[in-house]
Amino acid sequence: MERTARELAHRELTELASLPEKSPDPIIEVSSNGHVTFCNAAARRSFPGLIVKSASHTLINHIVPVLDL
């Protein structure tokens, strides 16, 4: 029975962890130095070049100064 409970918990955690990627809204995680550490499919569609340009992307240039507050 314990194994089944563990498997269920694992499946639930996996489902929760996948929510950011499944979100229809852009979700972006940025490190303190401005590098994109995560962006979901909606963010990649909304902000082309985000991963390649990372810290030099216009969007990130607007976010990083706010992070320094």
C-alpha atoms as a PDB file:
ATOM      1  CA  MET A   1       0.000   0.000   0.000  1.00  0.00           C
ATOM      2  CA  GLU A   2       2.861   2.383   0.779  1.00  0.00           C
ATOM      3  CA  ARG A   3       4.253   1.946  -2.730  1.00  0.00           C
ATOM      4  CA  THR A   4       0.915   2.921  -4.276  1.00  0.00           C
ATOM      5  CA  ALA A   5       0.712   6.036  -2.080  1.00  0.00           C
ATOM      6  CA  ARG A   6       4.250   6.978  -3.096  1.00  0.00           C
ATOM      7  CA  GLU A   7       3.462   6.464  -6.781  1.00  0.00           C
ATOM      8  CA  LEU A   8       0.324   8.586  -6.468  1.00  0.00           C
ATOM      9  CA  ALA A   9       2.264  11.339  -4.685  1.00  0.00           C
ATOM     10  CA  HIS A  10       4.920  11.208  -7.405  1.00  0.00           C
ATOM     11  CA  ARG A  11       2.284  11.509 -10.154  1.00  0.00           C
ATOM     12  CA  GLU A  12       0.658  14.448  -8.364  1.00  0.00           C
ATOM     13  CA  LEU A  13       3.996  16.241  -7.964  1.00  0.00           C
ATOM     14  CA  THR A  14       4.830  15.611 -11.611  1.00  0.00           C
ATOM     15  CA  GLU A  15       1.474  17.082 -12.644  1.00  0.00           C
ATOM     16  CA  LEU A  16       1.999  20.146 -10.443  1.00  0.00           C
ATOM     17  CA  ALA A  17       5.515  20.648 -11.793  1.00  0.00           C
ATOM     18  CA  SER A  18       4.176  20.643 -15.359  1.00  0.00           C
ATOM     19  CA  LEU A  19       1.631  23.423 -14.739  1.00  0.00           C
ATOM     20  CA  PRO A  20       3.941  26.333 -15.619  1.00  0.00           C
ATOM     21  CA  GLU A  21       4.734  24.781 -19.005  1.00  0.00           C
ATOM     22  CA  LYS A  22       1.050  24.112 -19.696  1.00  0.00           C
ATOM     23  CA  SER A  23      -0.077  27.617 -18.756  1.00  0.00           C
ATOM     24  CA  PRO A  24      -1.501  29.693 -21.610  1.00  0.00           C
ATOM     25  CA  ASP A  25       0.086  32.760 -19.989  1.00  0.00           C
ATOM     26  CA  PRO A  26       3.764  33.630 -20.433  1.00  0.00           C
ATOM     27  CA  ILE A  27       5.833  32.562 -17.436  1.00  0.00           C
ATOM     28  CA  ILE A  28       9.475  33.609 -17.274  1.00  0.00           C
ATOM     29  CA  GLU A  29      12.036  32.995 -14.549  1.00  0.00           C
ATOM     30  CA  VAL A  30      15.021  35.335 -14.580  1.00  0.00           C
ATOM     31  CA  SER A  31      18.167  35.094 -12.478  1.00  0.00           C
ATOM     32  CA  SER A  32      19.417  38.135 -10.579  1.00  0.00           C
ATOM     33  CA  ASN A  33      21.942  38.794 -13.355  1.00  0.00           C
ATOM     34  CA  GLY A  34      19.221  38.832 -16.014  1.00  0.00           C
ATOM     35  CA  HIS A  35      19.606  35.397 -17.569  1.00  0.00           C
ATOM     36  CA  VAL A  36      16.437  33.528 -18.436  1.00  0.00           C
ATOM     37  CA  THR A  37      16.411  30.289 -16.446  1.00  0.00           C
ATOM     38  CA  PHE A  38      12.910  29.176 -17.496  1.00  0.00           C
ATOM     39  CA  CYS A  39      10.254  30.272 -19.934  1.00  0.00           C
ATOM     40  CA  ASN A  40       7.197  28.339 -20.954  1.00  0.00           C
ATOM     41  CA  ALA A  41       5.821  27.853 -24.471  1.00  0.00           C
ATOM     42  CA  ALA A  42       3.538  30.886 -24.167  1.00  0.00           C
ATOM     43  CA  ALA A  43       6.526  33.078 -23.284  1.00  0.00           C
ATOM     44  CA  ARG A  44       8.548  31.695 -26.179  1.00  0.00           C
ATOM     45  CA  ARG A  45       5.672  32.487 -28.562  1.00  0.00           C
ATOM     46  CA  SER A  46       5.063  35.946 -27.089  1.00  0.00           C
ATOM     47  CA  PHE A  47       8.708  36.985 -26.901  1.00  0.00           C
ATOM     48  CA  PRO A  48      10.677  35.525 -29.837  1.00  0.00           C
ATOM     49  CA  GLY A  49      14.405  35.263 -29.227  1.00  0.00           C
ATOM     50  CA  LEU A  50      14.020  35.315 -25.453  1.00  0.00           C
ATOM     51  CA  ILE A  51      16.170  32.242 -24.864  1.00  0.00           C
ATOM     52  CA  VAL A  52      18.840  33.140 -27.406  1.00  0.00           C
ATOM     53  CA  LYS A  53      19.179  36.780 -26.369  1.00  0.00           C
ATOM     54  CA  SER A  54      18.419  36.175 -22.665  1.00  0.00           C
ATOM     55  CA  ALA A  55      19.871  39.124 -20.717  1.00  0.00           C
ATOM     56  CA  SER A  56      20.116  41.288 -23.839  1.00  0.00           C
ATOM     57  CA  HIS A  57      16.442  40.802 -24.808  1.00  0.00           C
ATOM     58  CA  THR A  58      14.417  44.029 -24.597  1.00  0.00           C
ATOM     59  CA  LEU A  59      11.920  42.489 -22.175  1.00  0.00           C
ATOM     60  CA  ILE A  60      14.645  41.406 -19.756  1.00  0.00           C
ATOM     61  CA  ASN A  61      16.315  44.820 -19.994  1.00  0.00           C
ATOM     62  CA  HIS A  62      13.075  46.277 -18.655  1.00  0.00           C
ATOM     63  CA  ILE A  63      12.679  43.686 -15.889  1.00  0.00           C
ATOM     64  CA  VAL A  64      16.172  43.574 -14.390  1.00  0.00           C
ATOM     65  CA  PRO A  65      16.189  47.208 -13.167  1.00  0.00           C
ATOM     66  CA  VAL A  66      12.934  46.479 -11.299  1.00  0.00           C
ATOM     67  CA  LEU A  67      14.559  43.445  -9.658  1.00  0.00           C
ATOM     68  CA  ASP A  68      17.254  45.683  -8.183  1.00  0.00           C
ATOM     69  CA  LEU A  69      14.716  47.601  -6.060  1.00  0.00           C
END
